[in-house]
Amino acid sequence: MENNLDSLDLNLLRLLKVVVETRNTSVAAEKLGISQTSVSRGMAKLRETFGDQLFIRKAHGVEPSELAEKLAEAAENMLVPFSQVLESYQEFEPKEYTGEIVIACELTLLDVFGRGVYQSLIKALPNARFKLVYWQHGSLQQMLDKRVDYMIHYTMFPLPQDIYTHHLSNIEINLVARKDHPVLSQGSDWDEVKHLPWVKYATDSSVGKYDIYDELIINEGVEPNITLVSHSVPVMVDKLVSSDAVAFSSSYLLKHNEALACYPLPKMPERLKNISVSGGYLQSRRGYPLNQCVHQAVQDFFNTIVQPSI
């Protein structure tokens, strides 16, 4: 017996199974929706692969050998997982899904937008269990190992081709400070703002002593007066509402405290006036309904963000 399994088509296993069940090639052809010629060719390929003893011709059909019956049983066991996978794609019900979903989000984005993202996720998948964690050193490998289902990061963050990314939003940057700020209420040119105390988010993506916004202040001839650097949005908000400090940030920060307001940016390059945010998951899961559902929920949240008109 030759075992040419490397070239075996899964459709031949279905053919074998149906011929064993029906014991008639014509009935098998009708049941599979293929021609009698296709059945004959498939039977020839099965004989070539497993041997001539698979079927014995009878007056009104064929009689499967013991080998054919055992192979048909094995084929059924083999094809069941494929059917289950296909059914999970076709019959996915977000409201009934109870599995765990792991989402890794860049730390700044998680702190600022995490609550809104989570609310959108539980609305779409109310019975799922979530891990909403910050993106760290090992997160990319965890994603490649299928231990992270979805990621949210700045679009500029370099990723391998294994990750399929979607643009989620362009987040406009504003000057954020307390309402009725004594300086910003009068104007926000560099001459007015460059000496103000600044609050900064301690993003892990920064390299070196200064970030791109610090360099804008340095270009105005002064050293940035950085009064607070923190990973904590609540701490930053407290500083902003209780002092004359100011921050380059999204208007979404206002949702953390109603005493905050947005003010116009001073003159700066267009590329620094907004930040692009993307979501992504494995290329191998592009057709998987769970990942598509998670992405849509995240996208729905970012679509609700109202950028200020200043």
C-alpha atoms as a PDB file:
ATOM      1  CA  MET A   1       0.000   0.000   0.000  1.00  0.00           C
ATOM      2  CA  GLU A   2       1.297   3.435  -0.919  1.00  0.00           C
ATOM      3  CA  ASN A   3       0.763   6.172   1.645  1.00  0.00           C
ATOM      4  CA  ASN A   4       0.791   9.394  -0.396  1.00  0.00           C
ATOM      5  CA  LEU A   5      -0.825  11.341   2.437  1.00  0.00           C
ATOM      6  CA  ASP A   6       1.116  14.542   1.766  1.00  0.00           C
ATOM      7  CA  SER A   7      -0.909  15.101  -1.409  1.00  0.00           C
ATOM      8  CA  LEU A   8      -4.255  13.929  -0.001  1.00  0.00           C
ATOM      9  CA  ASP A   9      -7.131  16.382  -0.516  1.00  0.00           C
ATOM     10  CA  LEU A  10      -9.534  16.720   2.446  1.00  0.00           C
ATOM     11  CA  ASN A  11     -12.399  16.529  -0.047  1.00  0.00           C
ATOM     12  CA  LEU A  12     -11.336  12.932  -0.755  1.00  0.00           C
ATOM     13  CA  LEU A  13     -11.909  12.073   2.902  1.00  0.00           C
ATOM     14  CA  ARG A  14     -15.437  13.452   2.631  1.00  0.00           C
ATOM     15  CA  LEU A  15     -15.938  11.404  -0.526  1.00  0.00           C
ATOM     16  CA  LEU A  16     -14.666   8.262   1.181  1.00  0.00           C
ATOM     17  CA  LYS A  17     -16.967   8.823   4.139  1.00  0.00           C
ATOM     18  CA  VAL A  18     -20.069   9.373   1.985  1.00  0.00           C
ATOM     19  CA  VAL A  19     -19.364   6.370  -0.311  1.00  0.00           C
ATOM     20  CA  VAL A  20     -18.974   4.129   2.744  1.00  0.00           C
ATOM     21  CA  GLU A  21     -22.267   5.473   4.140  1.00  0.00           C
ATOM     22  CA  THR A  22     -24.276   5.209   0.898  1.00  0.00           C
ATOM     23  CA  ARG A  23     -22.483   2.210  -0.687  1.00  0.00           C
ATOM     24  CA  ASN A  24     -23.329   3.752  -4.048  1.00  0.00           C
ATOM     25  CA  THR A  25     -21.179   6.140  -6.094  1.00  0.00           C
ATOM     26  CA  SER A  26     -24.148   7.702  -7.901  1.00  0.00           C
ATOM     27  CA  VAL A  27     -25.946   8.455  -4.632  1.00  0.00           C
ATOM     28  CA  ALA A  28     -22.678   9.771  -3.185  1.00  0.00           C
ATOM     29  CA  ALA A  29     -22.268  12.115  -6.173  1.00  0.00           C
ATOM     30  CA  GLU A  30     -25.793  13.464  -5.688  1.00  0.00           C
ATOM     31  CA  LYS A  31     -25.311  13.913  -1.954  1.00  0.00           C
ATOM     32  CA  LEU A  32     -22.020  15.775  -2.434  1.00  0.00           C
ATOM     33  CA  GLY A  33     -23.337  17.835  -5.316  1.00  0.00           C
ATOM     34  CA  ILE A  34     -20.631  16.717  -7.733  1.00  0.00           C
ATOM     35  CA  SER A  35     -20.602  14.762 -11.009  1.00  0.00           C
ATOM     36  CA  GLN A  36     -20.241  11.016 -11.369  1.00  0.00           C
ATOM     37  CA  THR A  37     -16.980  11.687 -13.229  1.00  0.00           C
ATOM     38  CA  SER A  38     -15.623  13.588 -10.224  1.00  0.00           C
ATOM     39  CA  VAL A  39     -16.551  10.686  -7.965  1.00  0.00           C
ATOM     40  CA  SER A  40     -14.762   8.236 -10.258  1.00  0.00           C
ATOM     41  CA  ARG A  41     -11.638  10.394 -10.283  1.00  0.00           C
ATOM     42  CA  GLY A  42     -11.778  10.705  -6.501  1.00  0.00           C
ATOM     43  CA  MET A  43     -12.155   6.952  -6.092  1.00  0.00           C
ATOM     44  CA  ALA A  44      -9.115   6.431  -8.333  1.00  0.00           C
ATOM     45  CA  LYS A  45      -7.095   8.839  -6.180  1.00  0.00           C
ATOM     46  CA  LEU A  46      -8.211   7.013  -3.026  1.00  0.00           C
ATOM     47  CA  ARG A  47      -7.102   3.687  -4.522  1.00  0.00           C
ATOM     48  CA  GLU A  48      -3.775   5.241  -5.443  1.00  0.00           C
ATOM     49  CA  THR A  49      -3.305   6.487  -1.896  1.00  0.00           C
ATOM     50  CA  PHE A  50      -4.664   3.630   0.214  1.00  0.00           C
ATOM     51  CA  GLY A  51      -4.718   0.583  -2.102  1.00  0.00           C
ATOM     52  CA  ASP A  52      -7.122  -1.342  -4.348  1.00  0.00           C
ATOM     53  CA  GLN A  53      -8.903  -3.131  -1.537  1.00  0.00           C
ATOM     54  CA  LEU A  54     -11.028  -0.174  -0.402  1.00  0.00           C
ATOM     55  CA  PHE A  55     -14.237  -1.129  -2.260  1.00  0.00           C
ATOM     56  CA  ILE A  56     -15.612  -4.216  -3.982  1.00  0.00           C
ATOM     57  CA  ARG A  57     -18.027  -3.605  -6.864  1.00  0.00           C
ATOM     58  CA  LYS A  58     -21.470  -5.124  -6.467  1.00  0.00           C
ATOM     59  CA  ALA A  59     -24.503  -5.281  -8.808  1.00  0.00           C
ATOM     60  CA  HIS A  60     -26.201  -2.270  -7.209  1.00  0.00           C
ATOM     61  CA  GLY A  61     -23.259  -0.405  -5.700  1.00  0.00           C
ATOM     62  CA  VAL A  62     -20.025  -0.985  -3.830  1.00  0.00           C
ATOM     63  CA  GLU A  63     -19.089  -2.867  -0.684  1.00  0.00           C
ATOM     64  CA  PRO A  64     -16.516  -1.112   1.540  1.00  0.00           C
ATOM     65  CA  SER A  65     -13.663  -3.159   2.922  1.00  0.00           C
ATOM     66  CA  GLU A  66     -12.749  -3.163   6.593  1.00  0.00           C
ATOM     67  CA  LEU A  67      -9.962  -0.701   5.775  1.00  0.00           C
ATOM     68  CA  ALA A  68     -12.415   1.631   4.031  1.00  0.00           C
ATOM     69  CA  GLU A  69     -14.777   1.568   7.025  1.00  0.00           C
ATOM     70  CA  LYS A  70     -11.948   2.319   9.460  1.00  0.00           C
ATOM     71  CA  LEU A  71     -10.655   5.131   7.251  1.00  0.00           C
ATOM     72  CA  ALA A  72     -14.180   6.590   6.992  1.00  0.00           C
ATOM     73  CA  GLU A  73     -14.486   6.537  10.796  1.00  0.00           C
ATOM     74  CA  ALA A  74     -11.095   8.222  11.131  1.00  0.00           C
ATOM     75  CA  ALA A  75     -12.092  10.787   8.489  1.00  0.00           C
ATOM     76  CA  GLU A  76     -15.247  11.677  10.437  1.00  0.00           C
ATOM     77  CA  ASN A  77     -13.219  12.188  13.620  1.00  0.00           C
ATOM     78  CA  MET A  78     -10.744  14.274  11.665  1.00  0.00           C
ATOM     79  CA  LEU A  79     -13.338  16.471   9.987  1.00  0.00           C
ATOM     80  CA  VAL A  80     -15.350  17.229  13.145  1.00  0.00           C
ATOM     81  CA  PRO A  81     -12.850  19.848  14.457  1.00  0.00           C
ATOM     82  CA  PHE A  82     -12.941  21.572  11.059  1.00  0.00           C
ATOM     83  CA  SER A  83     -16.729  21.697  11.214  1.00  0.00           C
ATOM     84  CA  GLN A  84     -16.636  23.063  14.739  1.00  0.00           C
ATOM     85  CA  VAL A  85     -14.253  25.852  13.708  1.00  0.00           C
ATOM     86  CA  LEU A  86     -16.454  26.774  10.742  1.00  0.00           C
ATOM     87  CA  GLU A  87     -19.551  26.777  12.951  1.00  0.00           C
ATOM     88  CA  SER A  88     -17.818  29.046  15.482  1.00  0.00           C
ATOM     89  CA  TYR A  89     -17.199  31.521  12.655  1.00  0.00           C
ATOM     90  CA  GLN A  90     -20.715  31.309  11.284  1.00  0.00           C
ATOM     91  CA  GLU A  91     -22.638  31.147  14.575  1.00  0.00           C
ATOM     92  CA  PHE A  92     -20.670  33.584  16.772  1.00  0.00           C
ATOM     93  CA  GLU A  93     -23.025  35.421  19.138  1.00  0.00           C
ATOM     94  CA  PRO A  94     -21.268  38.354  20.894  1.00  0.00           C
ATOM     95  CA  LYS A  95     -23.953  38.653  23.567  1.00  0.00           C
ATOM     96  CA  GLU A  96     -23.474  35.007  24.551  1.00  0.00           C
ATOM     97  CA  TYR A  97     -19.679  34.820  24.411  1.00  0.00           C
ATOM     98  CA  THR A  98     -18.229  33.931  27.842  1.00  0.00           C
ATOM     99  CA  GLY A  99     -14.536  33.504  27.039  1.00  0.00           C
ATOM    100  CA  GLU A 100     -11.608  35.661  28.138  1.00  0.00           C
ATOM    101  CA  ILE A 101     -10.418  38.528  25.936  1.00  0.00           C
ATOM    102  CA  VAL A 102      -6.989  40.075  26.503  1.00  0.00           C
ATOM    103  CA  ILE A 103      -6.394  43.624  25.230  1.00  0.00           C
ATOM    104  CA  ALA A 104      -3.002  45.340  25.548  1.00  0.00           C
ATOM    105  CA  CYS A 105      -3.093  49.132  25.330  1.00  0.00           C
ATOM    106  CA  GLU A 106      -0.306  51.712  25.315  1.00  0.00           C
ATOM    107  CA  LEU A 107      -0.104  53.054  28.857  1.00  0.00           C
ATOM    108  CA  THR A 108      -1.019  56.670  28.084  1.00  0.00           C
ATOM    109  CA  LEU A 109      -3.969  55.620  25.944  1.00  0.00           C
ATOM    110  CA  LEU A 110      -5.109  53.123  28.564  1.00  0.00           C
ATOM    111  CA  ASP A 111      -5.122  55.738  31.319  1.00  0.00           C
ATOM    112  CA  VAL A 112      -6.907  58.381  29.265  1.00  0.00           C
ATOM    113  CA  PHE A 113      -9.303  56.271  27.190  1.00  0.00           C
ATOM    114  CA  GLY A 114      -9.409  52.955  29.070  1.00  0.00           C
ATOM    115  CA  ARG A 115     -12.711  53.538  30.831  1.00  0.00           C
ATOM    116  CA  GLY A 116     -14.515  54.458  27.616  1.00  0.00           C
ATOM    117  CA  VAL A 117     -12.972  51.532  25.723  1.00  0.00           C
ATOM    118  CA  TYR A 118     -14.045  49.108  28.447  1.00  0.00           C
ATOM    119  CA  GLN A 119     -17.609  50.438  28.537  1.00  0.00           C
ATOM    120  CA  SER A 120     -17.892  49.951  24.778  1.00  0.00           C
ATOM    121  CA  LEU A 121     -16.480  46.428  25.039  1.00  0.00           C
ATOM    122  CA  ILE A 122     -18.877  45.241  27.731  1.00  0.00           C
ATOM    123  CA  LYS A 123     -21.770  46.708  25.780  1.00  0.00           C
ATOM    124  CA  ALA A 124     -20.814  44.554  22.786  1.00  0.00           C
ATOM    125  CA  LEU A 125     -19.730  41.465  24.768  1.00  0.00           C
ATOM    126  CA  PRO A 126     -21.589  41.664  28.097  1.00  0.00           C
ATOM    127  CA  ASN A 127     -20.740  38.141  29.286  1.00  0.00           C
ATOM    128  CA  ALA A 128     -17.080  38.061  28.277  1.00  0.00           C
ATOM    129  CA  ARG A 129     -14.208  38.204  30.763  1.00  0.00           C
ATOM    130  CA  PHE A 130     -11.690  40.956  29.999  1.00  0.00           C
ATOM    131  CA  LYS A 131      -8.058  41.642  30.737  1.00  0.00           C
ATOM    132  CA  LEU A 132      -7.395  45.265  29.805  1.00  0.00           C
ATOM    133  CA  VAL A 133      -3.673  45.726  30.473  1.00  0.00           C
ATOM    134  CA  TYR A 134      -0.962  48.131  29.398  1.00  0.00           C
ATOM    135  CA  TRP A 135       1.401  47.336  26.541  1.00  0.00           C
ATOM    136  CA  GLN A 136       4.845  46.449  27.868  1.00  0.00           C
ATOM    137  CA  HIS A 137       8.115  44.869  26.787  1.00  0.00           C
ATOM    138  CA  GLY A 138       6.829  41.324  26.256  1.00  0.00           C
ATOM    139  CA  SER A 139       3.405  42.221  24.850  1.00  0.00           C
ATOM    140  CA  LEU A 140       4.350  41.821  21.186  1.00  0.00           C
ATOM    141  CA  GLN A 141       5.642  38.293  21.724  1.00  0.00           C
ATOM    142  CA  GLN A 142       2.535  37.467  23.758  1.00  0.00           C
ATOM    143  CA  MET A 143       0.430  38.659  20.847  1.00  0.00           C
ATOM    144  CA  LEU A 144       2.405  36.559  18.379  1.00  0.00           C
ATOM    145  CA  ASP A 145       1.910  33.611  20.766  1.00  0.00           C
ATOM    146  CA  LYS A 146      -1.871  34.261  20.707  1.00  0.00           C
ATOM    147  CA  ARG A 147      -1.980  35.294  24.360  1.00  0.00           C
ATOM    148  CA  VAL A 148      -3.103  38.851  23.494  1.00  0.00           C
ATOM    149  CA  ASP A 149      -6.224  39.190  21.344  1.00  0.00           C
ATOM    150  CA  TYR A 150      -6.120  42.887  20.476  1.00  0.00           C
ATOM    151  CA  MET A 151      -3.824  45.876  20.847  1.00  0.00           C
ATOM    152  CA  ILE A 152      -4.279  49.672  20.928  1.00  0.00           C
ATOM    153  CA  HIS A 153      -1.191  51.783  20.257  1.00  0.00           C
ATOM    154  CA  TYR A 154       0.082  54.871  18.502  1.00  0.00           C
ATOM    155  CA  THR A 155       0.138  54.346  14.742  1.00  0.00           C
ATOM    156  CA  MET A 156       3.817  55.304  14.572  1.00  0.00           C
ATOM    157  CA  PHE A 157       4.736  52.323  16.775  1.00  0.00           C
ATOM    158  CA  PRO A 158       6.609  49.804  14.554  1.00  0.00           C
ATOM    159  CA  LEU A 159       5.005  46.373  14.222  1.00  0.00           C
ATOM    160  CA  PRO A 160       5.823  43.237  12.197  1.00  0.00           C
ATOM    161  CA  GLN A 161       3.664  42.190   9.240  1.00  0.00           C
ATOM    162  CA  ASP A 162       2.158  39.451  11.422  1.00  0.00           C
ATOM    163  CA  ILE A 163      -0.023  42.154  13.005  1.00  0.00           C
ATOM    164  CA  TYR A 164      -2.995  43.485  11.032  1.00  0.00           C
ATOM    165  CA  THR A 165      -3.672  47.110  12.034  1.00  0.00           C
ATOM    166  CA  HIS A 166      -6.610  49.492  11.610  1.00  0.00           C
ATOM    167  CA  HIS A 167      -6.578  53.260  12.014  1.00  0.00           C
ATOM    168  CA  LEU A 168      -8.900  54.136  14.924  1.00  0.00           C
ATOM    169  CA  SER A 169      -8.684  57.907  15.306  1.00  0.00           C
ATOM    170  CA  ASN A 170      -6.652  61.078  14.969  1.00  0.00           C
ATOM    171  CA  ILE A 171      -6.643  62.534  18.469  1.00  0.00           C
ATOM    172  CA  GLU A 172      -6.354  66.321  18.442  1.00  0.00           C
ATOM    173  CA  ILE A 173      -3.890  67.837  20.885  1.00  0.00           C
ATOM    174  CA  ASN A 174      -4.875  70.931  22.872  1.00  0.00           C
ATOM    175  CA  LEU A 175      -3.607  72.966  25.747  1.00  0.00           C
ATOM    176  CA  VAL A 176      -5.494  71.628  28.774  1.00  0.00           C
ATOM    177  CA  ALA A 177      -5.645  73.625  32.000  1.00  0.00           C
ATOM    178  CA  ARG A 178      -8.170  74.775  34.587  1.00  0.00           C
ATOM    179  CA  LYS A 179     -11.135  76.860  33.513  1.00  0.00           C
ATOM    180  CA  ASP A 180     -10.623  80.638  33.571  1.00  0.00           C
ATOM    181  CA  HIS A 181      -6.864  80.175  33.486  1.00  0.00           C
ATOM    182  CA  PRO A 182      -5.349  83.626  34.152  1.00  0.00           C
ATOM    183  CA  VAL A 183      -2.930  83.410  31.208  1.00  0.00           C
ATOM    184  CA  LEU A 184      -4.597  81.137  28.664  1.00  0.00           C
ATOM    185  CA  SER A 185      -7.897  82.993  28.929  1.00  0.00           C
ATOM    186  CA  GLN A 186      -6.073  86.008  27.458  1.00  0.00           C
ATOM    187  CA  GLY A 187      -4.110  84.168  24.764  1.00  0.00           C
ATOM    188  CA  SER A 188      -1.934  81.179  24.067  1.00  0.00           C
ATOM    189  CA  ASP A 189       0.938  82.432  21.931  1.00  0.00           C
ATOM    190  CA  TRP A 190       4.377  81.172  22.878  1.00  0.00           C
ATOM    191  CA  ASP A 191       5.213  84.449  24.611  1.00  0.00           C
ATOM    192  CA  GLU A 192       2.298  83.834  26.986  1.00  0.00           C
ATOM    193  CA  VAL A 193       2.700  80.088  27.574  1.00  0.00           C
ATOM    194  CA  LYS A 194       6.405  79.271  27.429  1.00  0.00           C
ATOM    195  CA  HIS A 195       7.049  80.260  31.066  1.00  0.00           C
ATOM    196  CA  LEU A 196       4.053  78.377  32.488  1.00  0.00           C
ATOM    197  CA  PRO A 197       4.507  75.265  34.656  1.00  0.00           C
ATOM    198  CA  TRP A 198       3.905  72.083  32.645  1.00  0.00           C
ATOM    199  CA  VAL A 199       2.391  68.718  33.505  1.00  0.00           C
ATOM    200  CA  LYS A 200       3.533  65.710  31.501  1.00  0.00           C
ATOM    201  CA  TYR A 201       2.488  62.118  31.177  1.00  0.00           C
ATOM    202  CA  ALA A 202       5.397  59.743  31.813  1.00  0.00           C
ATOM    203  CA  THR A 203       4.968  57.749  28.619  1.00  0.00           C
ATOM    204  CA  ASP A 204       7.197  54.707  28.208  1.00  0.00           C
ATOM    205  CA  SER A 205       7.640  55.558  24.524  1.00  0.00           C
ATOM    206  CA  SER A 206       9.728  58.642  25.320  1.00  0.00           C
ATOM    207  CA  VAL A 207      13.481  58.475  24.834  1.00  0.00           C
ATOM    208  CA  GLY A 208      15.940  61.007  26.209  1.00  0.00           C
ATOM    209  CA  LYS A 209      15.369  63.911  28.576  1.00  0.00           C
ATOM    210  CA  TYR A 210      13.006  65.901  26.336  1.00  0.00           C
ATOM    211  CA  ASP A 211       9.996  64.981  24.239  1.00  0.00           C
ATOM    212  CA  ILE A 212       8.846  66.714  21.036  1.00  0.00           C
ATOM    213  CA  TYR A 213       6.739  69.273  22.927  1.00  0.00           C
ATOM    214  CA  ASP A 214       9.579  70.116  25.327  1.00  0.00           C
ATOM    215  CA  GLU A 215      11.730  70.877  22.300  1.00  0.00           C
ATOM    216  CA  LEU A 216       9.149  73.407  21.072  1.00  0.00           C
ATOM    217  CA  ILE A 217       9.543  75.334  24.335  1.00  0.00           C
ATOM    218  CA  ILE A 218      13.341  75.080  24.148  1.00  0.00           C
ATOM    219  CA  ASN A 219      13.167  76.546  20.644  1.00  0.00           C
ATOM    220  CA  GLU A 220      11.501  79.574  22.236  1.00  0.00           C
ATOM    221  CA  GLY A 221      14.652  80.156  24.269  1.00  0.00           C
ATOM    222  CA  VAL A 222      13.619  78.837  27.694  1.00  0.00           C
ATOM    223  CA  GLU A 223      14.009  75.636  29.662  1.00  0.00           C
ATOM    224  CA  PRO A 224      10.639  73.861  30.127  1.00  0.00           C
ATOM    225  CA  ASN A 225       9.288  74.333  33.652  1.00  0.00           C
ATOM    226  CA  ILE A 226       8.178  70.731  34.191  1.00  0.00           C
ATOM    227  CA  THR A 227       6.349  70.767  37.491  1.00  0.00           C
ATOM    228  CA  LEU A 228       4.939  67.203  37.366  1.00  0.00           C
ATOM    229  CA  VAL A 229       5.658  64.009  35.456  1.00  0.00           C
ATOM    230  CA  SER A 230       3.337  61.116  36.280  1.00  0.00           C
ATOM    231  CA  HIS A 231       1.907  57.839  35.019  1.00  0.00           C
ATOM    232  CA  SER A 232      -1.307  58.691  36.860  1.00  0.00           C
ATOM    233  CA  VAL A 233      -4.012  60.673  35.065  1.00  0.00           C
ATOM    234  CA  PRO A 234      -5.865  61.457  38.344  1.00  0.00           C
ATOM    235  CA  VAL A 235      -2.658  62.922  39.806  1.00  0.00           C
ATOM    236  CA  MET A 236      -2.119  65.002  36.661  1.00  0.00           C
ATOM    237  CA  VAL A 237      -5.709  66.235  36.711  1.00  0.00           C
ATOM    238  CA  ASP A 238      -5.452  67.240  40.370  1.00  0.00           C
ATOM    239  CA  LYS A 239      -2.355  69.292  39.597  1.00  0.00           C
ATOM    240  CA  LEU A 240      -3.994  70.980  36.620  1.00  0.00           C
ATOM    241  CA  VAL A 241      -7.183  71.998  38.436  1.00  0.00           C
ATOM    242  CA  SER A 242      -5.370  73.231  41.560  1.00  0.00           C
ATOM    243  CA  SER A 243      -2.664  75.333  39.896  1.00  0.00           C
ATOM    244  CA  ASP A 244      -1.787  77.341  36.806  1.00  0.00           C
ATOM    245  CA  ALA A 245      -0.063  74.318  35.257  1.00  0.00           C
ATOM    246  CA  VAL A 246      -0.884  73.331  31.676  1.00  0.00           C
ATOM    247  CA  ALA A 247      -0.525  70.153  29.588  1.00  0.00           C
ATOM    248  CA  PHE A 248      -0.457  69.135  25.955  1.00  0.00           C
ATOM    249  CA  SER A 249      -3.257  66.582  25.917  1.00  0.00           C
ATOM    250  CA  SER A 250      -6.469  65.293  24.406  1.00  0.00           C
ATOM    251  CA  SER A 251      -9.767  67.017  25.129  1.00  0.00           C
ATOM    252  CA  TYR A 252     -10.903  63.649  26.510  1.00  0.00           C
ATOM    253  CA  LEU A 253      -8.960  64.568  29.647  1.00  0.00           C
ATOM    254  CA  LEU A 254     -11.838  66.951  30.430  1.00  0.00           C
ATOM    255  CA  LYS A 255     -14.054  63.948  31.164  1.00  0.00           C
ATOM    256  CA  HIS A 256     -11.908  63.294  34.235  1.00  0.00           C
ATOM    257  CA  ASN A 257     -12.775  66.647  35.818  1.00  0.00           C
ATOM    258  CA  GLU A 258     -15.338  69.299  34.856  1.00  0.00           C
ATOM    259  CA  ALA A 259     -13.051  72.056  36.146  1.00  0.00           C
ATOM    260  CA  LEU A 260     -10.726  71.575  33.142  1.00  0.00           C
ATOM    261  CA  ALA A 261     -10.918  73.387  29.812  1.00  0.00           C
ATOM    262  CA  CYS A 262      -9.234  73.302  26.405  1.00  0.00           C
ATOM    263  CA  TYR A 263      -7.310  76.248  24.972  1.00  0.00           C
ATOM    264  CA  PRO A 264      -5.838  76.848  21.487  1.00  0.00           C
ATOM    265  CA  LEU A 265      -2.345  75.642  20.706  1.00  0.00           C
ATOM    266  CA  PRO A 266       0.466  78.100  20.079  1.00  0.00           C
ATOM    267  CA  LYS A 267       2.007  78.025  16.607  1.00  0.00           C
ATOM    268  CA  MET A 268       3.563  74.635  15.874  1.00  0.00           C
ATOM    269  CA  PRO A 269       4.020  72.127  13.015  1.00  0.00           C
ATOM    270  CA  GLU A 270       0.796  70.502  11.815  1.00  0.00           C
ATOM    271  CA  ARG A 271       2.207  67.010  12.449  1.00  0.00           C
ATOM    272  CA  LEU A 272       2.302  67.736  16.184  1.00  0.00           C
ATOM    273  CA  LYS A 273      -1.316  68.882  16.412  1.00  0.00           C
ATOM    274  CA  ASN A 274      -2.784  65.382  16.416  1.00  0.00           C
ATOM    275  CA  ILE A 275      -1.738  61.840  17.208  1.00  0.00           C
ATOM    276  CA  SER A 276      -2.877  58.834  15.197  1.00  0.00           C
ATOM    277  CA  VAL A 277      -4.113  55.800  17.150  1.00  0.00           C
ATOM    278  CA  SER A 278      -4.457  52.297  15.700  1.00  0.00           C
ATOM    279  CA  GLY A 279      -5.827  48.942  16.797  1.00  0.00           C
ATOM    280  CA  GLY A 280      -4.597  45.563  15.652  1.00  0.00           C
ATOM    281  CA  TYR A 281      -4.631  41.796  15.905  1.00  0.00           C
ATOM    282  CA  LEU A 282      -2.921  38.832  14.280  1.00  0.00           C
ATOM    283  CA  GLN A 283      -3.112  38.545  10.491  1.00  0.00           C
ATOM    284  CA  SER A 284      -4.096  34.895  11.012  1.00  0.00           C
ATOM    285  CA  ARG A 285      -7.247  36.073  12.848  1.00  0.00           C
ATOM    286  CA  ARG A 286      -8.428  38.585  10.258  1.00  0.00           C
ATOM    287  CA  GLY A 287     -11.537  36.513   9.496  1.00  0.00           C
ATOM    288  CA  TYR A 288     -12.233  35.547  13.107  1.00  0.00           C
ATOM    289  CA  PRO A 289     -15.523  37.099  14.263  1.00  0.00           C
ATOM    290  CA  LEU A 290     -14.358  37.602  17.865  1.00  0.00           C
ATOM    291  CA  ASN A 291     -11.489  39.859  16.795  1.00  0.00           C
ATOM    292  CA  GLN A 292     -13.733  41.693  14.351  1.00  0.00           C
ATOM    293  CA  CYS A 293     -16.290  42.247  17.115  1.00  0.00           C
ATOM    294  CA  VAL A 294     -13.638  43.550  19.534  1.00  0.00           C
ATOM    295  CA  HIS A 295     -12.260  45.882  16.886  1.00  0.00           C
ATOM    296  CA  GLN A 296     -15.728  47.227  16.073  1.00  0.00           C
ATOM    297  CA  ALA A 297     -16.425  47.885  19.764  1.00  0.00           C
ATOM    298  CA  VAL A 298     -13.136  49.785  20.137  1.00  0.00           C
ATOM    299  CA  GLN A 299     -13.801  51.677  16.904  1.00  0.00           C
ATOM    300  CA  ASP A 300     -17.306  52.574  18.101  1.00  0.00           C
ATOM    301  CA  PHE A 301     -15.819  54.154  21.208  1.00  0.00           C
ATOM    302  CA  PHE A 302     -13.283  56.259  19.324  1.00  0.00           C
ATOM    303  CA  ASN A 303     -16.042  57.356  16.936  1.00  0.00           C
ATOM    304  CA  THR A 304     -17.905  58.881  19.909  1.00  0.00           C
ATOM    305  CA  ILE A 305     -15.032  61.162  20.925  1.00  0.00           C
ATOM    306  CA  VAL A 306     -16.054  64.749  20.220  1.00  0.00           C
ATOM    307  CA  GLN A 307     -13.062  66.931  19.459  1.00  0.00           C
ATOM    308  CA  PRO A 308     -13.425  70.486  20.840  1.00  0.00           C
ATOM    309  CA  SER A 309     -14.127  73.485  18.669  1.00  0.00           C
ATOM    310  CA  ILE A 310     -11.903  76.233  20.038  1.00  0.00           C
END
